[in-house]
């Protein structure tokens, strides 16, 4: 069984899956810009974000 992820790791996994699926970037700056562009959209969905990070 794989180890449990920390709550913030779920956020990065979600950003990676939604903002850059199957995409190759020329630089780390490109990755950073793409993920920063996706953060406001993710932050606007409070319940979805809570489901990723709120554990009992």
C-alpha atoms as a PDB file:
ATOM      1  CA  UNK A   1       0.000   0.000   0.000  1.00  0.00           C
ATOM      2  CA  UNK A   2       1.452   3.424  -0.928  1.00  0.00           C
ATOM      3  CA  UNK A   3       1.976   5.962   1.835  1.00  0.00           C
ATOM      4  CA  UNK A   4      -0.659   8.625   2.430  1.00  0.00           C
ATOM      5  CA  UNK A   5      -0.019  11.963   0.785  1.00  0.00           C
ATOM      6  CA  UNK A   6       0.029  15.203   2.714  1.00  0.00           C
ATOM      7  CA  UNK A   7      -2.999  17.421   1.956  1.00  0.00           C
ATOM      8  CA  UNK A   8      -0.921  19.906  -0.060  1.00  0.00           C
ATOM      9  CA  UNK A   9       0.335  17.080  -2.271  1.00  0.00           C
ATOM     10  CA  UNK A  10      -3.245  16.413  -3.357  1.00  0.00           C
ATOM     11  CA  UNK A  11      -3.495  20.027  -4.498  1.00  0.00           C
ATOM     12  CA  UNK A  12      -0.325  19.728  -6.610  1.00  0.00           C
ATOM     13  CA  UNK A  13      -1.561  16.451  -8.066  1.00  0.00           C
ATOM     14  CA  UNK A  14      -4.877  18.062  -9.006  1.00  0.00           C
ATOM     15  CA  UNK A  15      -3.149  21.070 -10.586  1.00  0.00           C
ATOM     16  CA  UNK A  16      -0.820  18.827 -12.542  1.00  0.00           C
ATOM     17  CA  UNK A  17      -3.729  16.729 -13.808  1.00  0.00           C
ATOM     18  CA  UNK A  18      -5.928  19.653 -14.814  1.00  0.00           C
ATOM     19  CA  UNK A  19      -3.424  22.269 -15.959  1.00  0.00           C
ATOM     20  CA  UNK A  20      -0.761  20.235 -17.713  1.00  0.00           C
ATOM     21  CA  UNK A  21      -1.947  16.723 -18.608  1.00  0.00           C
ATOM     22  CA  UNK A  22       0.302  15.009 -21.139  1.00  0.00           C
ATOM     23  CA  UNK A  23       2.155  18.230 -21.838  1.00  0.00           C
ATOM     24  CA  UNK A  24       5.887  18.811 -22.178  1.00  0.00           C
ATOM     25  CA  UNK A  25       7.296  22.205 -21.199  1.00  0.00           C
ATOM     26  CA  UNK A  26      10.484  23.816 -22.429  1.00  0.00           C
ATOM     27  CA  UNK A  27      11.329  25.185 -18.999  1.00  0.00           C
ATOM     28  CA  UNK A  28      10.332  25.234 -15.359  1.00  0.00           C
ATOM     29  CA  UNK A  29       9.098  28.797 -15.903  1.00  0.00           C
ATOM     30  CA  UNK A  30       6.513  27.439 -18.340  1.00  0.00           C
ATOM     31  CA  UNK A  31       5.264  24.916 -15.786  1.00  0.00           C
ATOM     32  CA  UNK A  32       5.107  27.576 -13.086  1.00  0.00           C
ATOM     33  CA  UNK A  33       3.171  29.993 -15.295  1.00  0.00           C
ATOM     34  CA  UNK A  34       0.651  27.319 -16.301  1.00  0.00           C
ATOM     35  CA  UNK A  35       0.038  26.186 -12.733  1.00  0.00           C
ATOM     36  CA  UNK A  36      -0.205  29.751 -11.430  1.00  0.00           C
ATOM     37  CA  UNK A  37      -2.847  30.417 -14.071  1.00  0.00           C
ATOM     38  CA  UNK A  38      -4.863  27.458 -12.756  1.00  0.00           C
ATOM     39  CA  UNK A  39      -4.742  28.336  -9.063  1.00  0.00           C
ATOM     40  CA  UNK A  40      -7.540  30.942  -9.077  1.00  0.00           C
ATOM     41  CA  UNK A  41      -9.910  28.477 -10.747  1.00  0.00           C
ATOM     42  CA  UNK A  42      -9.098  25.845  -8.148  1.00  0.00           C
ATOM     43  CA  UNK A  43      -9.412  28.334  -5.279  1.00  0.00           C
ATOM     44  CA  UNK A  44     -12.872  29.384  -6.496  1.00  0.00           C
ATOM     45  CA  UNK A  45     -14.224  25.878  -5.911  1.00  0.00           C
ATOM     46  CA  UNK A  46     -14.184  25.728  -2.130  1.00  0.00           C
ATOM     47  CA  UNK A  47     -15.926  22.372  -1.721  1.00  0.00           C
ATOM     48  CA  UNK A  48     -13.666  20.619  -4.221  1.00  0.00           C
ATOM     49  CA  UNK A  49     -10.594  22.058  -2.542  1.00  0.00           C
ATOM     50  CA  UNK A  50     -11.893  21.076   0.875  1.00  0.00           C
ATOM     51  CA  UNK A  51     -12.492  17.503  -0.303  1.00  0.00           C
ATOM     52  CA  UNK A  52      -8.826  17.302  -1.358  1.00  0.00           C
ATOM     53  CA  UNK A  53      -7.401  18.619   1.900  1.00  0.00           C
ATOM     54  CA  UNK A  54      -9.857  18.093   4.778  1.00  0.00           C
ATOM     55  CA  UNK A  55      -9.200  14.778   6.435  1.00  0.00           C
ATOM     56  CA  UNK A  56     -10.818  13.445   9.540  1.00  0.00           C
END
